[in-house]
Structures are given as structure tokens and as C-alpha cells.
Amino acid sequence: MEQKFPPAPPLTDLAPYLELLPPIIARKRVAYFTGGAISSKKLANDDSRSKGPLVRQMIGDSVVYPTPFFLAYLESLGVRTIVVPRL
């Protein structure tokens, strides 16, 4: 039985990164892709509490996330863009 993904979530602040990142992101590499802002342990804990990304997949023993759903999860944590004015 084939499962279908829900529609990709709309992105706001992190939408520009969708084109720059790979199509899937492994849980064990999230610290790399977020510059250390999110750890794989936090993501695993959020997954266990049903607060992680809406879609996750297993490849062998590894958990991976389709990038649009991972970015939507990051936005749900609260993203603020700060542009520093030049004097």
C-alpha cells in the first residue's frame, strides 16, 4: 500500500533555503544543516512527543525528513529574521 504525503506546508522565513538544501535531511545530520541550532536528540524527543516534522521516513535504520516538512518544523519553533541597519 502506497502512502501519500500530505501537501507541502507553506513556508515563510525559511522558503529561500528550500532550493539550497537536499531533498531529504537525515536526523543525525540536523545539527550540520541548522548550524548547531537544533540537535538530533531534540528532534528525536520532539518526534516522540508528536511535535516533530509532520512527515518522516525510514531508510534502513536512519530517520530522514523531506526538506519542506523539516523547514516547516523549524518555522514552528519560531524564526525571526533580523536585518541590522547600516549606519
C-alpha atoms as a PDB file:
ATOM      1  CA  MET A   1       0.000   0.000   0.000  1.00  0.00           C
ATOM      2  CA  GLU A   2       1.463   3.305  -1.081  1.00  0.00           C
ATOM      3  CA  GLN A   3       1.254   6.187   1.372  1.00  0.00           C
ATOM      4  CA  LYS A   4       0.891   9.676   0.014  1.00  0.00           C
ATOM      5  CA  PHE A   5       2.485  12.709   1.570  1.00  0.00           C
ATOM      6  CA  PRO A   6       0.243  15.490   2.772  1.00  0.00           C
ATOM      7  CA  PRO A   7       0.625  18.698   0.755  1.00  0.00           C
ATOM      8  CA  ALA A   8       3.899  20.512   1.361  1.00  0.00           C
ATOM      9  CA  PRO A   9       3.438  23.111   4.080  1.00  0.00           C
ATOM     10  CA  PRO A  10       3.687  26.790   3.190  1.00  0.00           C
ATOM     11  CA  LEU A  11       6.964  28.368   4.258  1.00  0.00           C
ATOM     12  CA  THR A  12       7.674  31.981   5.084  1.00  0.00           C
ATOM     13  CA  ASP A  13      11.068  32.876   6.567  1.00  0.00           C
ATOM     14  CA  LEU A  14      12.880  29.712   5.516  1.00  0.00           C
ATOM     15  CA  ALA A  15      11.430  29.391   1.995  1.00  0.00           C
ATOM     16  CA  PRO A  16      14.693  30.537   0.314  1.00  0.00           C
ATOM     17  CA  TYR A  17      16.524  27.535   1.819  1.00  0.00           C
ATOM     18  CA  LEU A  18      14.237  25.020   0.131  1.00  0.00           C
ATOM     19  CA  GLU A  19      16.165  25.384  -3.136  1.00  0.00           C
ATOM     20  CA  LEU A  20      19.563  25.184  -1.407  1.00  0.00           C
ATOM     21  CA  LEU A  21      19.114  22.074   0.740  1.00  0.00           C
ATOM     22  CA  PRO A  22      19.000  18.422  -0.338  1.00  0.00           C
ATOM     23  CA  PRO A  23      15.538  16.852  -0.838  1.00  0.00           C
ATOM     24  CA  ILE A  24      15.789  14.880   2.430  1.00  0.00           C
ATOM     25  CA  ILE A  25      17.661  15.553   5.665  1.00  0.00           C
ATOM     26  CA  ALA A  26      18.796  12.773   7.985  1.00  0.00           C
ATOM     27  CA  ARG A  27      18.005  13.228  11.667  1.00  0.00           C
ATOM     28  CA  LYS A  28      21.610  12.503  12.604  1.00  0.00           C
ATOM     29  CA  ARG A  29      22.756  15.439  10.397  1.00  0.00           C
ATOM     30  CA  VAL A  30      20.287  18.138  11.501  1.00  0.00           C
ATOM     31  CA  ALA A  31      22.925  19.877  13.619  1.00  0.00           C
ATOM     32  CA  TYR A  32      25.011  20.342  10.466  1.00  0.00           C
ATOM     33  CA  PHE A  33      22.122  21.727   8.415  1.00  0.00           C
ATOM     34  CA  THR A  34      20.993  24.091  11.187  1.00  0.00           C
ATOM     35  CA  GLY A  35      24.445  25.316  12.164  1.00  0.00           C
ATOM     36  CA  GLY A  36      24.085  23.580  15.524  1.00  0.00           C
ATOM     37  CA  ALA A  37      20.805  25.333  16.403  1.00  0.00           C
ATOM     38  CA  ILE A  38      18.882  22.016  16.590  1.00  0.00           C
ATOM     39  CA  SER A  39      20.349  18.717  17.768  1.00  0.00           C
ATOM     40  CA  SER A  40      19.342  15.256  16.623  1.00  0.00           C
ATOM     41  CA  LYS A  41      18.423  14.486  20.248  1.00  0.00           C
ATOM     42  CA  LYS A  42      15.964  17.410  20.423  1.00  0.00           C
ATOM     43  CA  LEU A  43      14.446  16.316  17.131  1.00  0.00           C
ATOM     44  CA  ALA A  44      14.113  12.707  18.340  1.00  0.00           C
ATOM     45  CA  ASN A  45      12.442  13.956  21.538  1.00  0.00           C
ATOM     46  CA  ASP A  46      10.056  16.165  19.561  1.00  0.00           C
ATOM     47  CA  ASP A  47       9.250  13.205  17.283  1.00  0.00           C
ATOM     48  CA  SER A  48       8.420  11.018  20.273  1.00  0.00           C
ATOM     49  CA  ARG A  49       6.025  13.716  21.561  1.00  0.00           C
ATOM     50  CA  SER A  50       4.443  14.150  18.086  1.00  0.00           C
ATOM     51  CA  LYS A  51       5.867  17.682  17.890  1.00  0.00           C
ATOM     52  CA  GLY A  52       8.469  16.957  15.196  1.00  0.00           C
ATOM     53  CA  PRO A  53       8.120  17.348  11.436  1.00  0.00           C
ATOM     54  CA  LEU A  54       4.772  16.175  10.048  1.00  0.00           C
ATOM     55  CA  VAL A  55       6.433  13.585   7.760  1.00  0.00           C
ATOM     56  CA  ARG A  56       9.395  11.345   8.470  1.00  0.00           C
ATOM     57  CA  GLN A  57      10.673   8.255   6.711  1.00  0.00           C
ATOM     58  CA  MET A  58      12.969   5.363   7.491  1.00  0.00           C
ATOM     59  CA  ILE A  59      15.856   4.428   5.241  1.00  0.00           C
ATOM     60  CA  GLY A  60      17.288   1.317   6.835  1.00  0.00           C
ATOM     61  CA  ASP A  61      17.807   2.325  10.468  1.00  0.00           C
ATOM     62  CA  SER A  62      18.035   6.050   9.706  1.00  0.00           C
ATOM     63  CA  VAL A  63      15.232   8.562  10.121  1.00  0.00           C
ATOM     64  CA  VAL A  64      15.016  11.185   7.372  1.00  0.00           C
ATOM     65  CA  TYR A  65      12.724  14.151   6.768  1.00  0.00           C
ATOM     66  CA  PRO A  66      11.574  15.588   3.447  1.00  0.00           C
ATOM     67  CA  THR A  67      13.060  19.085   3.432  1.00  0.00           C
ATOM     68  CA  PRO A  68       9.799  21.089   3.146  1.00  0.00           C
ATOM     69  CA  PHE A  69       8.434  19.371   6.262  1.00  0.00           C
ATOM     70  CA  PHE A  70      11.705  19.827   8.145  1.00  0.00           C
ATOM     71  CA  LEU A  71      11.776  23.555   7.322  1.00  0.00           C
ATOM     72  CA  ALA A  72       8.119  23.895   8.402  1.00  0.00           C
ATOM     73  CA  TYR A  73       9.083  22.272  11.716  1.00  0.00           C
ATOM     74  CA  LEU A  74      11.903  24.793  12.159  1.00  0.00           C
ATOM     75  CA  GLU A  75       9.497  27.643  11.437  1.00  0.00           C
ATOM     76  CA  SER A  76       7.083  26.222  14.027  1.00  0.00           C
ATOM     77  CA  LEU A  77       9.838  26.623  16.632  1.00  0.00           C
ATOM     78  CA  GLY A  78       9.873  30.346  15.912  1.00  0.00           C
ATOM     79  CA  VAL A  79      12.105  32.010  13.353  1.00  0.00           C
ATOM     80  CA  ARG A  80      12.839  35.701  13.439  1.00  0.00           C
ATOM     81  CA  THR A  81      14.782  37.466  10.742  1.00  0.00           C
ATOM     82  CA  ILE A  82      16.808  40.400  11.982  1.00  0.00           C
ATOM     83  CA  VAL A  83      18.258  42.798   9.461  1.00  0.00           C
ATOM     84  CA  VAL A  84      20.858  45.037  11.058  1.00  0.00           C
ATOM     85  CA  PRO A  85      20.635  48.594   9.743  1.00  0.00           C
ATOM     86  CA  ARG A  86      23.813  50.154   8.418  1.00  0.00           C
ATOM     87  CA  LEU A  87      24.860  53.492   9.889  1.00  0.00           C
END
